[in-house]
Amino acid sequence: MTVAVTGPFASGKSTFTRMLGEAGAETVSSDELVHDLYRKDPQTARRVAERFGDVLDAEGKVDRLKLRGEVFGDPEALRDLEGILHPLVREETDRRVSGSEAEVFVAEIPLLFETGRESDFDLTVTVLPSESRRREWAAGRGVDAATLRGIEARQLSPREKARRADVVVENDGTLEHLRKRAVELMERLRRERSLAGDGDEERRHT
């Protein structure tokens, strides 16, 4: 079974994806894939530098803080960056999904609905905190209100993401509460997979 986890910026979707992994799923994170491209793929680093200028560190790897200063708040720059990264991230995500033998495979995809990828997965999950908590977490990452507005301008609203998802995980409690939701979801997915398997077995014997 394949699951896509999404949510607005600073919603806790990466944390929830990690917790699903701890509960037994195989996982992949778009953010982690981007980080790997910045740090390990010279061709990607070169393309980013050609477009955005002095955004590399002394080792020739992309400095994310420098890049953020060039991109966020500039819709055209953000579109150009997405044009570089998104095809590579999608290709690697698809490669891992197709090669996985796990019972449950979870992909964290921030722009799941915006890029029309929801139909590629058996189940979609939106992680949704309160607006005040989300802005608090964004500020904790050094993202000011103006930058946050620039990020949000490229995304569906949090409520729209929730409306489109099969499952909504409210993230307004403690980490332990979020971990409990992850365990509960994994148990549900395993039950559904088992029932589907039983149905297949019955059909083979009729």
N, C-alpha and C. Protein backbone atom coordinates (compact mmCIF):
# COMPACT_ATOMS: atom_id res chain seq x y z
N MET A 1 0.84 -1.18 0.00
CA MET A 1 0.00 0.00 0.00
C MET A 1 0.88 1.24 0.00
N THR A 2 0.54 2.22 -0.82
CA THR A 2 1.32 3.45 -0.91
C THR A 2 0.53 4.61 -0.31
N VAL A 3 1.23 5.43 0.46
CA VAL A 3 0.61 6.54 1.18
C VAL A 3 1.40 7.81 0.91
N ALA A 4 0.71 8.90 0.63
CA ALA A 4 1.36 10.20 0.48
C ALA A 4 0.96 11.09 1.66
N VAL A 5 1.95 11.68 2.30
CA VAL A 5 1.71 12.61 3.41
C VAL A 5 2.02 14.02 2.94
N THR A 6 1.09 14.92 3.17
CA THR A 6 1.29 16.31 2.77
C THR A 6 0.80 17.23 3.89
N GLY A 7 0.84 18.52 3.62
CA GLY A 7 0.39 19.51 4.60
C GLY A 7 1.02 20.84 4.27
N PRO A 8 0.55 21.90 4.90
CA PRO A 8 1.15 23.22 4.67
C PRO A 8 2.55 23.30 5.27
N PHE A 9 3.24 24.38 4.95
CA PHE A 9 4.58 24.60 5.50
C PHE A 9 4.51 24.64 7.02
N ALA A 10 5.49 23.99 7.67
CA ALA A 10 5.59 23.97 9.14
C ALA A 10 4.36 23.36 9.79
N SER A 11 3.94 22.22 9.24
CA SER A 11 2.76 21.55 9.80
C SER A 11 3.11 20.32 10.63
N GLY A 12 4.34 19.82 10.49
CA GLY A 12 4.73 18.60 11.17
C GLY A 12 4.65 17.36 10.29
N LYS A 13 4.53 17.56 8.98
CA LYS A 13 4.39 16.41 8.08
C LYS A 13 5.66 15.56 8.05
N SER A 14 6.83 16.19 8.14
CA SER A 14 8.07 15.42 8.17
C SER A 14 8.15 14.58 9.44
N THR A 15 7.74 15.16 10.55
CA THR A 15 7.75 14.43 11.82
C THR A 15 6.78 13.25 11.76
N PHE A 16 5.60 13.47 11.21
CA PHE A 16 4.61 12.40 11.12
C PHE A 16 5.11 11.29 10.19
N THR A 17 5.73 11.66 9.08
CA THR A 17 6.28 10.66 8.17
C THR A 17 7.34 9.83 8.88
N ARG A 18 8.21 10.50 9.63
CA ARG A 18 9.24 9.77 10.37
C ARG A 18 8.61 8.80 11.37
N MET A 19 7.54 9.23 12.03
CA MET A 19 6.87 8.36 13.00
C MET A 19 6.22 7.16 12.33
N LEU A 20 5.69 7.34 11.13
CA LEU A 20 5.17 6.20 10.38
C LEU A 20 6.30 5.22 10.06
N GLY A 21 7.48 5.76 9.77
CA GLY A 21 8.63 4.90 9.56
C GLY A 21 9.01 4.13 10.80
N GLU A 22 8.95 4.79 11.95
CA GLU A 22 9.25 4.12 13.21
C GLU A 22 8.23 3.03 13.52
N ALA A 23 7.01 3.21 12.99
CA ALA A 23 5.94 2.23 13.22
C ALA A 23 5.98 1.10 12.20
N GLY A 24 6.93 1.14 11.26
CA GLY A 24 7.11 0.01 10.36
C GLY A 24 7.02 0.28 8.88
N ALA A 25 6.67 1.50 8.49
CA ALA A 25 6.58 1.80 7.06
C ALA A 25 7.97 2.09 6.48
N GLU A 26 8.11 1.87 5.18
CA GLU A 26 9.27 2.39 4.47
C GLU A 26 8.91 3.80 4.03
N THR A 27 9.82 4.75 4.17
CA THR A 27 9.48 6.15 3.91
C THR A 27 10.49 6.82 3.00
N VAL A 28 10.01 7.88 2.35
CA VAL A 28 10.89 8.77 1.60
C VAL A 28 10.34 10.18 1.77
N SER A 29 11.22 11.15 1.91
CA SER A 29 10.84 12.54 2.12
C SER A 29 11.34 13.40 0.98
N SER A 30 10.46 14.21 0.42
CA SER A 30 10.88 15.13 -0.64
C SER A 30 11.96 16.07 -0.14
N ASP A 31 11.82 16.54 1.09
CA ASP A 31 12.82 17.45 1.65
C ASP A 31 14.19 16.78 1.74
N GLU A 32 14.19 15.50 2.15
CA GLU A 32 15.46 14.78 2.24
C GLU A 32 16.07 14.57 0.86
N LEU A 33 15.23 14.30 -0.12
CA LEU A 33 15.74 14.12 -1.48
C LEU A 33 16.34 15.42 -2.01
N VAL A 34 15.67 16.55 -1.73
CA VAL A 34 16.22 17.84 -2.14
C VAL A 34 17.55 18.09 -1.45
N HIS A 35 17.61 17.80 -0.17
CA HIS A 35 18.86 17.98 0.58
C HIS A 35 19.98 17.15 -0.05
N ASP A 36 19.67 15.91 -0.43
CA ASP A 36 20.68 15.06 -1.06
C ASP A 36 21.13 15.64 -2.40
N LEU A 37 20.18 16.19 -3.16
CA LEU A 37 20.54 16.81 -4.44
C LEU A 37 21.48 17.99 -4.21
N TYR A 38 21.18 18.80 -3.23
CA TYR A 38 22.02 19.97 -2.93
C TYR A 38 23.42 19.57 -2.50
N ARG A 39 23.52 18.49 -1.73
CA ARG A 39 24.80 18.13 -1.12
C ARG A 39 25.61 17.11 -1.92
N LYS A 40 24.93 16.30 -2.75
CA LYS A 40 25.60 15.16 -3.36
C LYS A 40 25.58 15.15 -4.88
N ASP A 41 24.82 16.06 -5.50
CA ASP A 41 24.68 16.03 -6.95
C ASP A 41 25.30 17.29 -7.55
N PRO A 42 26.53 17.23 -8.03
CA PRO A 42 27.19 18.42 -8.57
C PRO A 42 26.43 19.06 -9.73
N GLN A 43 25.76 18.25 -10.53
CA GLN A 43 25.02 18.81 -11.66
C GLN A 43 23.87 19.69 -11.19
N THR A 44 23.15 19.24 -10.17
CA THR A 44 22.06 20.06 -9.61
C THR A 44 22.62 21.33 -9.00
N ALA A 45 23.71 21.22 -8.25
CA ALA A 45 24.32 22.40 -7.64
C ALA A 45 24.73 23.40 -8.71
N ARG A 46 25.27 22.91 -9.79
CA ARG A 46 25.70 23.79 -10.87
C ARG A 46 24.50 24.50 -11.52
N ARG A 47 23.42 23.76 -11.76
CA ARG A 47 22.25 24.37 -12.36
C ARG A 47 21.64 25.43 -11.44
N VAL A 48 21.61 25.15 -10.15
CA VAL A 48 21.08 26.12 -9.19
C VAL A 48 21.94 27.38 -9.17
N ALA A 49 23.26 27.19 -9.17
CA ALA A 49 24.17 28.35 -9.14
C ALA A 49 24.07 29.16 -10.43
N GLU A 50 23.90 28.50 -11.55
CA GLU A 50 23.76 29.22 -12.82
C GLU A 50 22.53 30.13 -12.81
N ARG A 51 21.48 29.67 -12.13
CA ARG A 51 20.25 30.46 -12.10
C ARG A 51 20.26 31.51 -10.99
N PHE A 52 20.84 31.18 -9.82
CA PHE A 52 20.67 32.04 -8.65
C PHE A 52 21.95 32.71 -8.16
N GLY A 53 23.07 32.44 -8.82
CA GLY A 53 24.30 33.15 -8.46
C GLY A 53 25.04 32.54 -7.29
N ASP A 54 25.51 33.37 -6.39
CA ASP A 54 26.39 32.96 -5.30
C ASP A 54 25.60 32.26 -4.19
N VAL A 55 25.26 30.99 -4.42
CA VAL A 55 24.50 30.24 -3.42
C VAL A 55 25.21 28.94 -3.05
N LEU A 56 26.49 28.81 -3.44
CA LEU A 56 27.24 27.61 -3.10
C LEU A 56 28.21 27.89 -1.96
N ASP A 57 28.51 26.84 -1.19
CA ASP A 57 29.49 27.00 -0.12
C ASP A 57 30.90 26.71 -0.66
N ALA A 58 31.86 26.68 0.23
CA ALA A 58 33.26 26.51 -0.19
C ALA A 58 33.50 25.16 -0.85
N GLU A 59 32.64 24.17 -0.57
CA GLU A 59 32.80 22.84 -1.15
C GLU A 59 32.01 22.68 -2.45
N GLY A 60 31.39 23.77 -2.91
CA GLY A 60 30.61 23.69 -4.15
C GLY A 60 29.23 23.10 -3.99
N LYS A 61 28.76 23.02 -2.75
CA LYS A 61 27.42 22.49 -2.48
C LYS A 61 26.46 23.64 -2.21
N VAL A 62 25.18 23.40 -2.44
CA VAL A 62 24.18 24.46 -2.29
C VAL A 62 24.03 24.82 -0.82
N ASP A 63 24.15 26.10 -0.51
CA ASP A 63 23.91 26.63 0.82
C ASP A 63 22.43 27.01 0.89
N ARG A 64 21.66 26.27 1.65
CA ARG A 64 20.21 26.44 1.65
C ARG A 64 19.79 27.82 2.19
N LEU A 65 20.54 28.35 3.14
CA LEU A 65 20.21 29.67 3.67
C LEU A 65 20.42 30.75 2.62
N LYS A 66 21.52 30.65 1.89
CA LYS A 66 21.76 31.61 0.81
C LYS A 66 20.68 31.50 -0.26
N LEU A 67 20.35 30.27 -0.60
CA LEU A 67 19.34 30.06 -1.63
C LEU A 67 17.98 30.58 -1.20
N ARG A 68 17.64 30.37 0.06
CA ARG A 68 16.36 30.87 0.56
C ARG A 68 16.25 32.37 0.38
N GLY A 69 17.34 33.07 0.64
CA GLY A 69 17.33 34.52 0.48
C GLY A 69 17.09 34.97 -0.95
N GLU A 70 17.49 34.13 -1.91
CA GLU A 70 17.31 34.46 -3.32
C GLU A 70 15.93 34.08 -3.85
N VAL A 71 15.29 33.12 -3.20
CA VAL A 71 14.09 32.51 -3.78
C VAL A 71 12.80 32.95 -3.11
N PHE A 72 12.72 32.80 -1.79
CA PHE A 72 11.46 33.05 -1.12
C PHE A 72 11.06 34.50 -1.22
N GLY A 73 9.79 34.71 -1.52
CA GLY A 73 9.29 36.06 -1.74
C GLY A 73 9.35 36.47 -3.20
N ASP A 74 9.95 35.61 -4.05
CA ASP A 74 10.05 35.89 -5.49
C ASP A 74 9.40 34.73 -6.24
N PRO A 75 8.12 34.88 -6.62
CA PRO A 75 7.40 33.76 -7.26
C PRO A 75 8.09 33.22 -8.50
N GLU A 76 8.67 34.09 -9.32
CA GLU A 76 9.33 33.62 -10.53
C GLU A 76 10.56 32.78 -10.19
N ALA A 77 11.34 33.23 -9.21
CA ALA A 77 12.52 32.48 -8.80
C ALA A 77 12.12 31.12 -8.22
N LEU A 78 11.05 31.11 -7.44
CA LEU A 78 10.61 29.85 -6.85
C LEU A 78 10.13 28.88 -7.93
N ARG A 79 9.45 29.38 -8.94
CA ARG A 79 9.04 28.52 -10.05
C ARG A 79 10.24 27.93 -10.77
N ASP A 80 11.28 28.75 -10.95
CA ASP A 80 12.48 28.25 -11.63
C ASP A 80 13.16 27.17 -10.80
N LEU A 81 13.21 27.36 -9.49
CA LEU A 81 13.83 26.36 -8.62
C LEU A 81 13.03 25.06 -8.65
N GLU A 82 11.73 25.18 -8.59
CA GLU A 82 10.88 23.99 -8.65
C GLU A 82 11.08 23.26 -9.98
N GLY A 83 11.28 24.03 -11.06
CA GLY A 83 11.50 23.42 -12.36
C GLY A 83 12.77 22.58 -12.40
N ILE A 84 13.77 22.99 -11.61
CA ILE A 84 15.01 22.21 -11.53
C ILE A 84 14.83 20.97 -10.67
N LEU A 85 14.18 21.15 -9.52
CA LEU A 85 14.15 20.10 -8.51
C LEU A 85 13.03 19.08 -8.68
N HIS A 86 11.83 19.55 -9.01
CA HIS A 86 10.67 18.66 -8.95
C HIS A 86 10.79 17.43 -9.85
N PRO A 87 11.25 17.55 -11.10
CA PRO A 87 11.37 16.33 -11.91
C PRO A 87 12.33 15.31 -11.32
N LEU A 88 13.42 15.78 -10.71
CA LEU A 88 14.40 14.87 -10.11
C LEU A 88 13.83 14.19 -8.87
N VAL A 89 13.11 14.97 -8.05
CA VAL A 89 12.51 14.40 -6.84
C VAL A 89 11.43 13.40 -7.20
N ARG A 90 10.61 13.74 -8.18
CA ARG A 90 9.56 12.82 -8.59
C ARG A 90 10.13 11.52 -9.14
N GLU A 91 11.17 11.62 -9.95
CA GLU A 91 11.79 10.42 -10.53
C GLU A 91 12.34 9.51 -9.44
N GLU A 92 13.01 10.10 -8.44
CA GLU A 92 13.59 9.29 -7.37
C GLU A 92 12.50 8.70 -6.48
N THR A 93 11.45 9.48 -6.20
CA THR A 93 10.34 8.96 -5.40
C THR A 93 9.69 7.77 -6.10
N ASP A 94 9.41 7.92 -7.40
CA ASP A 94 8.79 6.83 -8.15
C ASP A 94 9.69 5.60 -8.19
N ARG A 95 11.00 5.83 -8.30
CA ARG A 95 11.93 4.70 -8.33
C ARG A 95 11.87 3.92 -7.02
N ARG A 96 11.82 4.65 -5.91
CA ARG A 96 11.78 3.97 -4.62
C ARG A 96 10.45 3.26 -4.38
N VAL A 97 9.36 3.90 -4.80
CA VAL A 97 8.05 3.26 -4.65
C VAL A 97 8.00 1.96 -5.45
N SER A 98 8.43 2.01 -6.71
CA SER A 98 8.33 0.83 -7.57
C SER A 98 9.27 -0.28 -7.11
N GLY A 99 10.34 0.07 -6.44
CA GLY A 99 11.29 -0.94 -6.00
C GLY A 99 11.05 -1.45 -4.60
N SER A 100 10.04 -0.89 -3.92
CA SER A 100 9.81 -1.27 -2.53
C SER A 100 9.01 -2.57 -2.43
N GLU A 101 9.37 -3.38 -1.44
CA GLU A 101 8.62 -4.59 -1.12
C GLU A 101 7.95 -4.47 0.24
N ALA A 102 7.90 -3.25 0.79
CA ALA A 102 7.31 -3.03 2.11
C ALA A 102 5.79 -3.16 2.05
N GLU A 103 5.20 -3.55 3.18
CA GLU A 103 3.74 -3.60 3.28
C GLU A 103 3.14 -2.21 3.06
N VAL A 104 3.80 -1.22 3.66
CA VAL A 104 3.32 0.17 3.55
C VAL A 104 4.51 1.04 3.17
N PHE A 105 4.35 1.80 2.10
CA PHE A 105 5.37 2.75 1.66
C PHE A 105 4.78 4.16 1.77
N VAL A 106 5.49 5.05 2.46
CA VAL A 106 5.00 6.40 2.71
C VAL A 106 5.94 7.42 2.08
N ALA A 107 5.37 8.31 1.27
CA ALA A 107 6.14 9.39 0.66
C ALA A 107 5.62 10.73 1.18
N GLU A 108 6.52 11.54 1.69
CA GLU A 108 6.15 12.90 2.08
C GLU A 108 6.29 13.80 0.86
N ILE A 109 5.18 14.43 0.45
CA ILE A 109 5.18 15.26 -0.76
C ILE A 109 4.47 16.58 -0.43
N PRO A 110 5.21 17.64 -0.17
CA PRO A 110 4.59 18.92 0.23
C PRO A 110 3.57 19.44 -0.77
N LEU A 111 3.86 19.34 -2.06
CA LEU A 111 2.96 19.87 -3.08
C LEU A 111 2.19 18.74 -3.78
N LEU A 112 1.70 17.81 -2.99
CA LEU A 112 1.01 16.64 -3.53
C LEU A 112 -0.17 17.02 -4.42
N PHE A 113 -1.08 17.80 -3.90
CA PHE A 113 -2.28 18.16 -4.65
C PHE A 113 -2.00 19.21 -5.71
N GLU A 114 -1.09 20.11 -5.40
CA GLU A 114 -0.75 21.16 -6.36
C GLU A 114 -0.16 20.59 -7.65
N THR A 115 0.55 19.46 -7.53
CA THR A 115 1.17 18.85 -8.70
C THR A 115 0.36 17.68 -9.26
N GLY A 116 -0.82 17.45 -8.72
CA GLY A 116 -1.71 16.43 -9.24
C GLY A 116 -1.23 15.01 -9.04
N ARG A 117 -0.49 14.77 -7.95
CA ARG A 117 0.08 13.44 -7.73
C ARG A 117 -0.78 12.55 -6.85
N GLU A 118 -1.92 13.04 -6.36
CA GLU A 118 -2.69 12.26 -5.39
C GLU A 118 -3.16 10.92 -5.95
N SER A 119 -3.43 10.86 -7.26
CA SER A 119 -3.92 9.61 -7.85
C SER A 119 -2.82 8.56 -7.97
N ASP A 120 -1.57 8.93 -7.70
CA ASP A 120 -0.47 7.97 -7.77
C ASP A 120 -0.38 7.11 -6.51
N PHE A 121 -1.19 7.43 -5.48
CA PHE A 121 -1.08 6.76 -4.19
C PHE A 121 -2.42 6.16 -3.77
N ASP A 122 -2.34 5.11 -2.96
CA ASP A 122 -3.55 4.45 -2.48
C ASP A 122 -4.29 5.30 -1.44
N LEU A 123 -3.53 6.08 -0.67
CA LEU A 123 -4.13 6.88 0.40
C LEU A 123 -3.38 8.19 0.53
N THR A 124 -4.11 9.27 0.78
CA THR A 124 -3.47 10.58 1.00
C THR A 124 -3.79 11.07 2.40
N VAL A 125 -2.78 11.69 3.03
CA VAL A 125 -2.91 12.17 4.41
C VAL A 125 -2.45 13.63 4.46
N THR A 126 -3.28 14.48 5.06
CA THR A 126 -2.87 15.86 5.32
C THR A 126 -2.66 16.05 6.81
N VAL A 127 -1.49 16.56 7.18
CA VAL A 127 -1.19 16.91 8.57
C VAL A 127 -1.56 18.38 8.76
N LEU A 128 -2.39 18.66 9.76
CA LEU A 128 -2.98 19.99 9.88
C LEU A 128 -2.92 20.50 11.32
N PRO A 129 -2.01 21.43 11.61
CA PRO A 129 -2.01 22.08 12.92
C PRO A 129 -2.89 23.32 12.89
N SER A 130 -3.07 23.94 14.05
CA SER A 130 -3.77 25.21 14.09
C SER A 130 -2.91 26.27 13.41
N GLU A 131 -3.54 27.34 12.96
CA GLU A 131 -2.80 28.40 12.28
C GLU A 131 -1.78 29.04 13.21
N SER A 132 -2.15 29.26 14.46
CA SER A 132 -1.22 29.91 15.39
C SER A 132 -0.01 29.04 15.66
N ARG A 133 -0.23 27.75 15.81
CA ARG A 133 0.91 26.85 16.05
C ARG A 133 1.80 26.77 14.82
N ARG A 134 1.21 26.73 13.64
CA ARG A 134 2.00 26.64 12.42
C ARG A 134 2.88 27.87 12.25
N ARG A 135 2.33 29.05 12.52
CA ARG A 135 3.12 30.27 12.40
C ARG A 135 4.22 30.32 13.47
N GLU A 136 3.93 29.78 14.62
CA GLU A 136 4.96 29.70 15.67
C GLU A 136 6.11 28.80 15.23
N TRP A 137 5.78 27.65 14.64
CA TRP A 137 6.82 26.73 14.17
C TRP A 137 7.60 27.34 13.01
N ALA A 138 6.92 28.06 12.13
CA ALA A 138 7.62 28.71 11.01
C ALA A 138 8.61 29.74 11.54
N ALA A 139 8.18 30.53 12.52
CA ALA A 139 9.07 31.53 13.10
C ALA A 139 10.28 30.86 13.76
N GLY A 140 10.06 29.70 14.36
CA GLY A 140 11.15 28.96 14.98
C GLY A 140 12.19 28.48 13.97
N ARG A 141 11.81 28.39 12.70
CA ARG A 141 12.75 28.03 11.64
C ARG A 141 13.39 29.25 11.01
N GLY A 142 13.09 30.43 11.53
CA GLY A 142 13.65 31.65 10.97
C GLY A 142 12.89 32.18 9.78
N VAL A 143 11.64 31.74 9.61
CA VAL A 143 10.82 32.19 8.49
C VAL A 143 9.88 33.29 8.97
N ASP A 144 10.09 34.51 8.49
CA ASP A 144 9.24 35.61 8.94
C ASP A 144 7.90 35.60 8.21
N ALA A 145 7.02 36.53 8.60
CA ALA A 145 5.66 36.53 8.05
C ALA A 145 5.65 36.77 6.55
N ALA A 146 6.51 37.66 6.06
CA ALA A 146 6.54 37.95 4.62
C ALA A 146 7.00 36.74 3.82
N THR A 147 8.02 36.06 4.32
CA THR A 147 8.51 34.86 3.64
C THR A 147 7.46 33.76 3.65
N LEU A 148 6.77 33.62 4.79
CA LEU A 148 5.72 32.62 4.90
C LEU A 148 4.61 32.89 3.91
N ARG A 149 4.25 34.14 3.73
CA ARG A 149 3.21 34.47 2.75
C ARG A 149 3.66 34.09 1.34
N GLY A 150 4.94 34.29 1.05
CA GLY A 150 5.46 33.90 -0.26
C GLY A 150 5.38 32.40 -0.48
N ILE A 151 5.68 31.64 0.56
CA ILE A 151 5.58 30.18 0.46
C ILE A 151 4.13 29.77 0.26
N GLU A 152 3.23 30.37 1.05
CA GLU A 152 1.82 30.00 1.00
C GLU A 152 1.18 30.36 -0.34
N ALA A 153 1.71 31.38 -1.00
CA ALA A 153 1.13 31.80 -2.28
C ALA A 153 1.27 30.72 -3.34
N ARG A 154 2.21 29.80 -3.16
CA ARG A 154 2.44 28.72 -4.13
C ARG A 154 1.69 27.45 -3.76
N GLN A 155 0.91 27.49 -2.66
CA GLN A 155 0.26 26.28 -2.19
C GLN A 155 -1.24 26.48 -2.05
N LEU A 156 -1.97 25.37 -2.06
CA LEU A 156 -3.36 25.41 -1.67
C LEU A 156 -3.46 25.76 -0.19
N SER A 157 -4.59 26.27 0.22
CA SER A 157 -4.77 26.61 1.63
C SER A 157 -4.74 25.34 2.48
N PRO A 158 -4.38 25.46 3.75
CA PRO A 158 -4.38 24.27 4.62
C PRO A 158 -5.72 23.54 4.62
N ARG A 159 -6.81 24.29 4.67
CA ARG A 159 -8.12 23.65 4.70
C ARG A 159 -8.44 22.93 3.39
N GLU A 160 -7.97 23.48 2.28
CA GLU A 160 -8.20 22.81 1.00
C GLU A 160 -7.38 21.53 0.92
N LYS A 161 -6.17 21.56 1.43
CA LYS A 161 -5.38 20.33 1.49
C LYS A 161 -6.10 19.27 2.33
N ALA A 162 -6.68 19.71 3.44
CA ALA A 162 -7.41 18.79 4.30
C ALA A 162 -8.65 18.26 3.59
N ARG A 163 -9.35 19.11 2.88
CA ARG A 163 -10.57 18.69 2.19
C ARG A 163 -10.29 17.61 1.15
N ARG A 164 -9.15 17.71 0.48
CA ARG A 164 -8.84 16.77 -0.59
C ARG A 164 -8.26 15.45 -0.10
N ALA A 165 -7.81 15.42 1.15
CA ALA A 165 -7.12 14.22 1.66
C ALA A 165 -8.11 13.14 2.07
N ASP A 166 -7.65 11.88 2.02
CA ASP A 166 -8.44 10.77 2.54
C ASP A 166 -8.46 10.77 4.07
N VAL A 167 -7.34 11.18 4.66
CA VAL A 167 -7.20 11.20 6.12
C VAL A 167 -6.61 12.55 6.53
N VAL A 168 -7.16 13.14 7.58
CA VAL A 168 -6.62 14.37 8.15
C VAL A 168 -6.11 14.08 9.55
N VAL A 169 -4.86 14.44 9.81
CA VAL A 169 -4.25 14.26 11.12
C VAL A 169 -4.11 15.63 11.76
N GLU A 170 -4.93 15.90 12.78
CA GLU A 170 -4.84 17.16 13.49
C GLU A 170 -3.58 17.15 14.36
N ASN A 171 -2.74 18.15 14.21
CA ASN A 171 -1.46 18.18 14.92
C ASN A 171 -1.41 19.37 15.87
N ASP A 172 -2.25 19.31 16.90
CA ASP A 172 -2.27 20.39 17.89
C ASP A 172 -1.94 19.90 19.30
N GLY A 173 -1.53 18.65 19.39
CA GLY A 173 -1.22 18.11 20.70
C GLY A 173 0.28 17.93 20.89
N THR A 174 0.63 16.96 21.70
CA THR A 174 2.03 16.67 21.99
C THR A 174 2.61 15.74 20.92
N LEU A 175 3.92 15.57 20.97
CA LEU A 175 4.56 14.61 20.08
C LEU A 175 4.05 13.20 20.33
N GLU A 176 3.78 12.88 21.58
CA GLU A 176 3.26 11.55 21.89
C GLU A 176 1.89 11.33 21.27
N HIS A 177 1.07 12.38 21.27
CA HIS A 177 -0.24 12.27 20.63
C HIS A 177 -0.08 12.03 19.13
N LEU A 178 0.86 12.76 18.51
CA LEU A 178 1.08 12.58 17.07
C LEU A 178 1.61 11.18 16.80
N ARG A 179 2.49 10.69 17.66
CA ARG A 179 3.02 9.33 17.48
C ARG A 179 1.90 8.30 17.61
N LYS A 180 0.97 8.53 18.51
CA LYS A 180 -0.18 7.63 18.66
C LYS A 180 -0.99 7.59 17.38
N ARG A 181 -1.20 8.74 16.77
CA ARG A 181 -1.95 8.79 15.50
C ARG A 181 -1.21 8.01 14.41
N ALA A 182 0.13 8.11 14.40
CA ALA A 182 0.91 7.37 13.41
C ALA A 182 0.76 5.87 13.60
N VAL A 183 0.84 5.42 14.85
CA VAL A 183 0.69 3.99 15.14
C VAL A 183 -0.71 3.52 14.77
N GLU A 184 -1.72 4.32 15.09
CA GLU A 184 -3.10 3.96 14.76
C GLU A 184 -3.30 3.85 13.25
N LEU A 185 -2.72 4.78 12.52
CA LEU A 185 -2.86 4.73 11.07
C LEU A 185 -2.18 3.49 10.50
N MET A 186 -0.99 3.17 10.99
CA MET A 186 -0.30 1.98 10.51
C MET A 186 -1.10 0.72 10.82
N GLU A 187 -1.70 0.65 11.99
CA GLU A 187 -2.53 -0.51 12.34
C GLU A 187 -3.72 -0.61 11.40
N ARG A 188 -4.32 0.53 11.10
CA ARG A 188 -5.46 0.54 10.17
C ARG A 188 -5.03 0.05 8.79
N LEU A 189 -3.90 0.54 8.31
CA LEU A 189 -3.44 0.16 6.97
C LEU A 189 -3.11 -1.33 6.91
N ARG A 190 -2.54 -1.86 7.96
CA ARG A 190 -2.22 -3.29 7.98
C ARG A 190 -3.50 -4.13 7.98
N ARG A 191 -4.52 -3.66 8.74
CA ARG A 191 -5.79 -4.39 8.74
C ARG A 191 -6.42 -4.38 7.36
N GLU A 192 -6.42 -3.21 6.73
CA GLU A 192 -7.02 -3.10 5.40
C GLU A 192 -6.28 -3.95 4.39
N ARG A 193 -4.96 -3.97 4.51
CA ARG A 193 -4.17 -4.78 3.58
C ARG A 193 -4.44 -6.27 3.80
N SER A 194 -4.59 -6.65 5.08
CA SER A 194 -4.88 -8.05 5.40
C SER A 194 -6.25 -8.45 4.88
N LEU A 195 -7.24 -7.58 5.05
CA LEU A 195 -8.58 -7.89 4.56
C LEU A 195 -8.59 -8.00 3.05
N ALA A 196 -7.86 -7.13 2.38
CA ALA A 196 -7.78 -7.19 0.92
C ALA A 196 -7.13 -8.49 0.49
N GLY A 197 -6.10 -8.91 1.22
CA GLY A 197 -5.44 -10.17 0.90
C GLY A 197 -6.35 -11.36 1.10
N ASP A 198 -7.17 -11.32 2.18
CA ASP A 198 -8.12 -12.39 2.43
C ASP A 198 -9.15 -12.46 1.32
N GLY A 199 -9.56 -11.29 0.84
CA GLY A 199 -10.53 -11.27 -0.25
C GLY A 199 -9.96 -11.87 -1.51
N ASP A 200 -8.70 -11.57 -1.78
CA ASP A 200 -8.04 -12.15 -2.96
C ASP A 200 -7.95 -13.67 -2.83
N GLU A 201 -7.65 -14.13 -1.62
CA GLU A 201 -7.52 -15.57 -1.39
C GLU A 201 -8.86 -16.27 -1.59
N GLU A 202 -9.95 -15.64 -1.10
CA GLU A 202 -11.29 -16.22 -1.27
C GLU A 202 -11.65 -16.32 -2.74
N ARG A 203 -11.33 -15.26 -3.49
CA ARG A 203 -11.67 -15.26 -4.91
C ARG A 203 -10.90 -16.35 -5.66
N ARG A 204 -9.66 -16.62 -5.22
CA ARG A 204 -8.87 -17.65 -5.90
C ARG A 204 -9.44 -19.05 -5.65
N HIS A 205 -10.23 -19.21 -4.56
CA HIS A 205 -10.74 -20.52 -4.21
C HIS A 205 -12.23 -20.67 -4.52
N THR A 206 -12.80 -19.76 -5.27
CA THR A 206 -14.22 -19.87 -5.65
C THR A 206 -14.33 -20.23 -7.12
